[in-house]
């Protein structure tokens, strides 16, 4: 259900490289949530780093929404760069498995498979 890889890079470098990889793979970064900074800003002692990148390919998103508008709640895709015990990691919840739990439509399964291949490629390029 998850795809997670370790990276020898620093958290900051992996995050920067992921953003570049997203763009190279014809997706856009809609927003980056810096969860670590947000938690620390709320006075919570949180030692790890975590950025969640909301990424989207408009053509693929339009296909999903044209088939089943309820799936807007599963969009956009999210790729995380985070630390765990000092180790930088990148990961995502696999779109094909997630979408399969929400819809049995074969056309959506194909879109999800294509998106999964690209998002995994983004992670692998950035690690």
N, C-alpha and C. Protein backbone atom coordinates (compact mmCIF):
# COMPACT_ATOMS: atom_id res chain seq x y z
N UNK A 1 0.81 -1.20 0.00
CA UNK A 1 0.00 0.00 0.00
C UNK A 1 0.87 1.27 0.00
N UNK A 2 2.04 1.18 0.61
CA UNK A 2 2.96 2.31 0.65
C UNK A 2 4.16 2.04 -0.24
N UNK A 3 4.74 3.10 -0.77
CA UNK A 3 6.02 3.03 -1.44
C UNK A 3 6.91 4.02 -0.72
N UNK A 4 7.92 3.52 -0.01
CA UNK A 4 8.82 4.37 0.79
C UNK A 4 10.25 3.95 0.50
N UNK A 5 11.11 4.95 0.23
CA UNK A 5 12.53 4.68 0.00
C UNK A 5 13.36 5.56 0.93
N UNK A 6 14.53 5.07 1.28
CA UNK A 6 15.47 5.86 2.06
C UNK A 6 16.38 6.62 1.10
N UNK A 7 16.86 7.76 1.56
CA UNK A 7 17.75 8.59 0.75
C UNK A 7 18.98 8.95 1.57
N UNK A 8 20.15 8.96 0.92
CA UNK A 8 21.35 9.43 1.61
C UNK A 8 21.41 10.96 1.69
N UNK A 9 20.49 11.62 1.01
CA UNK A 9 20.48 13.09 0.95
C UNK A 9 19.95 13.70 2.24
N UNK A 10 20.26 14.96 2.41
CA UNK A 10 19.65 15.70 3.51
C UNK A 10 18.17 15.87 3.21
N UNK A 11 17.41 16.14 4.25
CA UNK A 11 15.98 16.40 4.08
C UNK A 11 15.75 17.53 3.07
N UNK A 12 16.47 18.63 3.24
CA UNK A 12 16.29 19.80 2.37
C UNK A 12 16.63 19.47 0.92
N UNK A 13 17.72 18.74 0.70
CA UNK A 13 18.11 18.39 -0.67
C UNK A 13 17.11 17.45 -1.31
N UNK A 14 16.63 16.47 -0.56
CA UNK A 14 15.64 15.53 -1.10
C UNK A 14 14.35 16.26 -1.46
N UNK A 15 13.94 17.20 -0.63
CA UNK A 15 12.73 17.98 -0.92
C UNK A 15 12.91 18.81 -2.19
N UNK A 16 14.06 19.44 -2.31
CA UNK A 16 14.35 20.25 -3.50
C UNK A 16 14.39 19.37 -4.75
N UNK A 17 15.02 18.23 -4.65
CA UNK A 17 15.13 17.32 -5.79
C UNK A 17 13.77 16.73 -6.17
N UNK A 18 12.92 16.48 -5.19
CA UNK A 18 11.58 15.97 -5.49
C UNK A 18 10.80 17.02 -6.28
N UNK A 19 10.85 18.25 -5.86
CA UNK A 19 10.12 19.30 -6.57
C UNK A 19 10.57 19.38 -8.04
N UNK A 20 11.86 19.28 -8.28
CA UNK A 20 12.37 19.30 -9.66
C UNK A 20 11.89 18.08 -10.44
N UNK A 21 11.88 16.92 -9.79
CA UNK A 21 11.45 15.69 -10.44
C UNK A 21 9.96 15.74 -10.80
N UNK A 22 9.16 16.31 -9.93
CA UNK A 22 7.73 16.44 -10.20
C UNK A 22 7.53 17.22 -11.50
N UNK A 23 8.22 18.32 -11.63
CA UNK A 23 8.09 19.16 -12.82
C UNK A 23 8.60 18.45 -14.08
N UNK A 24 9.71 17.73 -13.95
CA UNK A 24 10.25 16.98 -15.10
C UNK A 24 9.28 15.93 -15.61
N UNK A 25 8.45 15.42 -14.71
CA UNK A 25 7.51 14.35 -15.06
C UNK A 25 6.12 14.88 -15.40
N UNK A 26 6.05 16.16 -15.76
CA UNK A 26 4.83 16.79 -16.25
C UNK A 26 3.69 16.84 -15.23
N UNK A 27 4.06 16.94 -13.97
CA UNK A 27 3.10 17.18 -12.90
C UNK A 27 3.41 18.57 -12.35
N UNK A 28 2.49 19.11 -11.61
CA UNK A 28 2.72 20.37 -10.94
C UNK A 28 2.65 20.19 -9.44
N UNK A 29 3.35 21.06 -8.72
CA UNK A 29 3.26 21.07 -7.26
C UNK A 29 2.21 22.12 -6.92
N UNK A 30 1.09 21.67 -6.38
CA UNK A 30 0.01 22.58 -6.02
C UNK A 30 0.28 23.28 -4.70
N UNK A 31 0.83 22.53 -3.76
CA UNK A 31 1.12 23.09 -2.44
C UNK A 31 2.10 22.17 -1.72
N UNK A 32 2.85 22.74 -0.81
CA UNK A 32 3.73 21.96 0.05
C UNK A 32 3.35 22.27 1.49
N UNK A 33 2.96 21.25 2.22
CA UNK A 33 2.64 21.39 3.64
C UNK A 33 3.88 21.04 4.44
N UNK A 34 4.41 21.98 5.19
CA UNK A 34 5.56 21.71 6.06
C UNK A 34 5.00 21.33 7.43
N UNK A 35 4.71 20.05 7.60
CA UNK A 35 4.07 19.59 8.84
C UNK A 35 4.96 19.77 10.05
N UNK A 36 6.26 19.55 9.88
CA UNK A 36 7.17 19.73 11.01
C UNK A 36 7.15 21.15 11.52
N UNK A 37 7.26 22.11 10.61
CA UNK A 37 7.26 23.52 11.01
C UNK A 37 5.91 23.93 11.59
N UNK A 38 4.83 23.41 11.02
CA UNK A 38 3.50 23.73 11.53
C UNK A 38 3.33 23.25 12.96
N UNK A 39 3.73 22.02 13.22
CA UNK A 39 3.60 21.47 14.57
C UNK A 39 4.46 22.25 15.56
N UNK A 40 5.71 22.52 15.17
CA UNK A 40 6.59 23.29 16.06
C UNK A 40 6.04 24.69 16.29
N UNK A 41 5.43 25.28 15.27
CA UNK A 41 4.83 26.60 15.38
C UNK A 41 3.64 26.64 16.32
N UNK A 42 3.05 25.48 16.57
CA UNK A 42 1.92 25.37 17.50
C UNK A 42 2.38 24.98 18.90
N UNK A 43 3.71 25.00 19.10
CA UNK A 43 4.25 24.70 20.42
C UNK A 43 4.43 23.23 20.72
N UNK A 44 4.33 22.39 19.71
CA UNK A 44 4.49 20.95 19.91
C UNK A 44 5.96 20.58 19.66
N UNK A 45 6.53 19.84 20.59
CA UNK A 45 7.92 19.39 20.46
C UNK A 45 7.95 18.25 19.45
N UNK A 46 8.29 18.57 18.21
CA UNK A 46 8.33 17.59 17.13
C UNK A 46 9.71 17.64 16.51
N UNK A 47 10.49 16.59 16.68
CA UNK A 47 11.89 16.60 16.28
C UNK A 47 12.10 16.27 14.80
N UNK A 48 11.17 15.56 14.18
CA UNK A 48 11.36 15.14 12.79
C UNK A 48 10.98 16.25 11.82
N UNK A 49 11.37 16.05 10.56
CA UNK A 49 10.99 16.95 9.47
C UNK A 49 9.98 16.21 8.59
N UNK A 50 9.04 16.95 8.02
CA UNK A 50 8.06 16.33 7.15
C UNK A 50 7.43 17.38 6.25
N UNK A 51 7.61 17.19 4.95
CA UNK A 51 6.93 18.03 3.97
C UNK A 51 6.07 17.12 3.10
N UNK A 52 4.82 17.53 2.92
CA UNK A 52 3.90 16.79 2.07
C UNK A 52 3.65 17.63 0.82
N UNK A 53 4.02 17.07 -0.31
CA UNK A 53 3.85 17.74 -1.60
C UNK A 53 2.55 17.28 -2.23
N UNK A 54 1.65 18.21 -2.50
CA UNK A 54 0.44 17.89 -3.25
C UNK A 54 0.79 18.06 -4.72
N UNK A 55 0.71 16.97 -5.48
CA UNK A 55 1.11 17.01 -6.89
C UNK A 55 -0.06 16.57 -7.77
N UNK A 56 -0.08 17.11 -8.98
CA UNK A 56 -1.21 16.82 -9.86
C UNK A 56 -0.80 16.93 -11.32
N UNK A 57 -1.34 16.04 -12.12
CA UNK A 57 -1.28 16.16 -13.56
C UNK A 57 -2.71 16.49 -14.00
N UNK A 58 -2.95 17.68 -14.51
CA UNK A 58 -4.32 18.10 -14.82
C UNK A 58 -5.07 17.17 -15.75
N UNK A 59 -4.39 16.60 -16.76
CA UNK A 59 -5.08 15.71 -17.69
C UNK A 59 -5.57 14.45 -16.99
N UNK A 60 -4.72 13.89 -16.12
CA UNK A 60 -5.11 12.68 -15.39
C UNK A 60 -6.21 12.99 -14.38
N UNK A 61 -6.10 14.12 -13.70
CA UNK A 61 -7.13 14.50 -12.73
C UNK A 61 -8.48 14.69 -13.42
N UNK A 62 -8.47 15.30 -14.59
CA UNK A 62 -9.72 15.52 -15.33
C UNK A 62 -10.37 14.19 -15.72
N UNK A 63 -9.55 13.20 -16.10
CA UNK A 63 -10.09 11.87 -16.44
C UNK A 63 -10.78 11.25 -15.23
N UNK A 64 -10.12 11.35 -14.07
CA UNK A 64 -10.69 10.78 -12.85
C UNK A 64 -12.01 11.46 -12.52
N UNK A 65 -12.02 12.78 -12.54
CA UNK A 65 -13.23 13.53 -12.17
C UNK A 65 -14.36 13.34 -13.17
N UNK A 66 -14.04 13.19 -14.45
CA UNK A 66 -15.07 12.97 -15.46
C UNK A 66 -15.75 11.61 -15.27
N UNK A 67 -15.02 10.67 -14.71
CA UNK A 67 -15.55 9.33 -14.49
C UNK A 67 -16.36 9.24 -13.21
N UNK A 68 -15.85 9.87 -12.14
CA UNK A 68 -16.53 9.80 -10.85
C UNK A 68 -16.16 11.03 -10.02
N UNK A 69 -17.04 12.00 -9.98
CA UNK A 69 -16.76 13.26 -9.30
C UNK A 69 -16.47 13.08 -7.81
N UNK A 70 -16.97 12.01 -7.21
CA UNK A 70 -16.71 11.78 -5.78
C UNK A 70 -15.23 11.60 -5.49
N UNK A 71 -14.47 11.22 -6.50
CA UNK A 71 -13.04 10.96 -6.30
C UNK A 71 -12.23 12.23 -6.14
N UNK A 72 -12.90 13.39 -6.21
CA UNK A 72 -12.19 14.64 -5.92
C UNK A 72 -11.59 14.60 -4.52
N UNK A 73 -12.19 13.80 -3.66
CA UNK A 73 -11.70 13.70 -2.28
C UNK A 73 -10.40 12.92 -2.17
N UNK A 74 -10.02 12.22 -3.24
CA UNK A 74 -8.76 11.47 -3.25
C UNK A 74 -7.66 12.24 -3.98
N UNK A 75 -7.99 13.40 -4.48
CA UNK A 75 -7.02 14.22 -5.22
C UNK A 75 -6.60 15.41 -4.38
N UNK A 76 -5.47 15.99 -4.62
CA UNK A 76 -4.39 15.54 -5.50
C UNK A 76 -3.58 14.42 -4.85
N UNK A 77 -2.64 13.90 -5.61
CA UNK A 77 -1.72 12.90 -5.05
C UNK A 77 -0.78 13.58 -4.07
N UNK A 78 -0.31 12.82 -3.11
CA UNK A 78 0.61 13.36 -2.12
C UNK A 78 1.88 12.53 -2.08
N UNK A 79 3.00 13.23 -2.10
CA UNK A 79 4.31 12.60 -1.94
C UNK A 79 4.97 13.28 -0.74
N UNK A 80 5.50 12.49 0.17
CA UNK A 80 6.11 13.04 1.37
C UNK A 80 7.62 12.87 1.36
N UNK A 81 8.28 13.88 1.90
CA UNK A 81 9.70 13.80 2.22
C UNK A 81 9.73 13.99 3.73
N UNK A 82 10.37 13.04 4.43
CA UNK A 82 10.36 13.11 5.89
C UNK A 82 11.60 12.47 6.47
N UNK A 83 11.82 12.75 7.74
CA UNK A 83 12.90 12.09 8.45
C UNK A 83 12.30 11.17 9.50
N UNK A 84 13.04 10.12 9.76
CA UNK A 84 12.64 9.17 10.80
C UNK A 84 13.93 8.65 11.42
N UNK A 85 14.13 9.01 12.68
CA UNK A 85 15.35 8.63 13.40
C UNK A 85 16.60 9.05 12.64
N UNK A 86 16.57 10.27 12.08
CA UNK A 86 17.73 10.81 11.39
C UNK A 86 17.90 10.38 9.94
N UNK A 87 17.05 9.51 9.45
CA UNK A 87 17.13 9.02 8.07
C UNK A 87 16.10 9.74 7.21
N UNK A 88 16.55 10.27 6.07
CA UNK A 88 15.64 10.92 5.12
C UNK A 88 14.93 9.86 4.30
N UNK A 89 13.62 10.04 4.15
CA UNK A 89 12.81 9.08 3.39
C UNK A 89 11.85 9.85 2.48
N UNK A 90 11.45 9.21 1.41
CA UNK A 90 10.43 9.73 0.51
C UNK A 90 9.40 8.64 0.32
N UNK A 91 8.13 9.02 0.26
CA UNK A 91 7.11 8.00 0.10
C UNK A 91 5.76 8.52 -0.33
N UNK A 92 4.90 7.56 -0.63
CA UNK A 92 3.52 7.85 -1.01
C UNK A 92 2.64 6.65 -0.71
N UNK A 93 1.35 6.90 -0.71
CA UNK A 93 0.37 5.81 -0.71
C UNK A 93 0.13 5.51 -2.18
N UNK A 94 0.25 4.26 -2.58
CA UNK A 94 0.16 3.90 -3.99
C UNK A 94 -1.23 4.24 -4.55
N UNK A 95 -1.26 5.08 -5.58
CA UNK A 95 -2.56 5.50 -6.14
C UNK A 95 -3.41 4.35 -6.65
N UNK A 96 -2.82 3.35 -7.28
CA UNK A 96 -3.63 2.26 -7.84
C UNK A 96 -4.37 1.50 -6.75
N UNK A 97 -3.70 1.21 -5.66
CA UNK A 97 -4.36 0.49 -4.57
C UNK A 97 -5.40 1.36 -3.89
N UNK A 98 -5.08 2.63 -3.69
CA UNK A 98 -6.02 3.53 -3.04
C UNK A 98 -7.28 3.68 -3.88
N UNK A 99 -7.11 3.92 -5.18
CA UNK A 99 -8.27 4.11 -6.04
C UNK A 99 -9.08 2.83 -6.19
N UNK A 100 -8.41 1.69 -6.18
CA UNK A 100 -9.13 0.41 -6.28
C UNK A 100 -10.06 0.20 -5.09
N UNK A 101 -9.70 0.78 -3.96
CA UNK A 101 -10.58 0.64 -2.79
C UNK A 101 -11.79 1.57 -2.88
N UNK A 102 -11.73 2.54 -3.81
CA UNK A 102 -12.81 3.51 -3.96
C UNK A 102 -13.67 3.28 -5.20
N UNK A 103 -13.12 2.59 -6.20
CA UNK A 103 -13.85 2.39 -7.46
C UNK A 103 -13.35 1.13 -8.14
N UNK A 104 -14.27 0.44 -8.79
CA UNK A 104 -13.92 -0.76 -9.55
C UNK A 104 -13.87 -0.48 -11.06
N UNK A 105 -13.97 0.79 -11.46
CA UNK A 105 -14.00 1.17 -12.87
C UNK A 105 -12.65 0.87 -13.52
N UNK A 106 -12.62 0.06 -14.59
CA UNK A 106 -11.35 -0.29 -15.24
C UNK A 106 -10.63 0.93 -15.84
N UNK A 107 -11.37 1.91 -16.31
CA UNK A 107 -10.73 3.11 -16.87
C UNK A 107 -9.98 3.86 -15.78
N UNK A 108 -10.56 3.94 -14.60
CA UNK A 108 -9.89 4.60 -13.48
C UNK A 108 -8.67 3.81 -13.03
N UNK A 109 -8.77 2.50 -13.09
CA UNK A 109 -7.63 1.66 -12.70
C UNK A 109 -6.44 1.95 -13.61
N UNK A 110 -6.69 2.16 -14.89
CA UNK A 110 -5.60 2.46 -15.83
C UNK A 110 -4.98 3.82 -15.54
N UNK A 111 -5.80 4.82 -15.28
CA UNK A 111 -5.29 6.15 -14.93
C UNK A 111 -4.45 6.05 -13.66
N UNK A 112 -4.96 5.36 -12.66
CA UNK A 112 -4.24 5.23 -11.39
C UNK A 112 -2.91 4.52 -11.59
N UNK A 113 -2.87 3.51 -12.45
CA UNK A 113 -1.63 2.79 -12.72
C UNK A 113 -0.60 3.73 -13.36
N UNK A 114 -1.04 4.54 -14.32
CA UNK A 114 -0.15 5.49 -14.98
C UNK A 114 0.39 6.52 -13.98
N UNK A 115 -0.50 7.04 -13.14
CA UNK A 115 -0.09 8.02 -12.14
C UNK A 115 0.88 7.39 -11.15
N UNK A 116 0.61 6.17 -10.75
CA UNK A 116 1.50 5.48 -9.81
C UNK A 116 2.89 5.30 -10.40
N UNK A 117 2.97 4.89 -11.64
CA UNK A 117 4.28 4.73 -12.29
C UNK A 117 5.06 6.03 -12.27
N UNK A 118 4.39 7.12 -12.61
CA UNK A 118 5.07 8.42 -12.66
C UNK A 118 5.47 8.91 -11.28
N UNK A 119 4.59 8.76 -10.30
CA UNK A 119 4.92 9.27 -8.97
C UNK A 119 6.04 8.46 -8.33
N UNK A 120 6.06 7.16 -8.58
CA UNK A 120 7.18 6.34 -8.10
C UNK A 120 8.47 6.75 -8.80
N UNK A 121 8.39 7.03 -10.09
CA UNK A 121 9.56 7.50 -10.83
C UNK A 121 10.08 8.81 -10.22
N UNK A 122 9.18 9.70 -9.86
CA UNK A 122 9.58 10.97 -9.24
C UNK A 122 10.38 10.73 -7.95
N UNK A 123 9.87 9.84 -7.13
CA UNK A 123 10.55 9.50 -5.87
C UNK A 123 11.92 8.90 -6.16
N UNK A 124 11.96 7.96 -7.09
CA UNK A 124 13.23 7.29 -7.40
C UNK A 124 14.25 8.28 -7.97
N UNK A 125 13.81 9.23 -8.77
CA UNK A 125 14.72 10.24 -9.30
C UNK A 125 15.24 11.17 -8.21
N UNK A 126 14.42 11.44 -7.22
CA UNK A 126 14.77 12.39 -6.18
C UNK A 126 15.58 11.79 -5.04
N UNK A 127 15.51 10.48 -4.86
CA UNK A 127 16.15 9.86 -3.70
C UNK A 127 17.61 9.97 -3.74
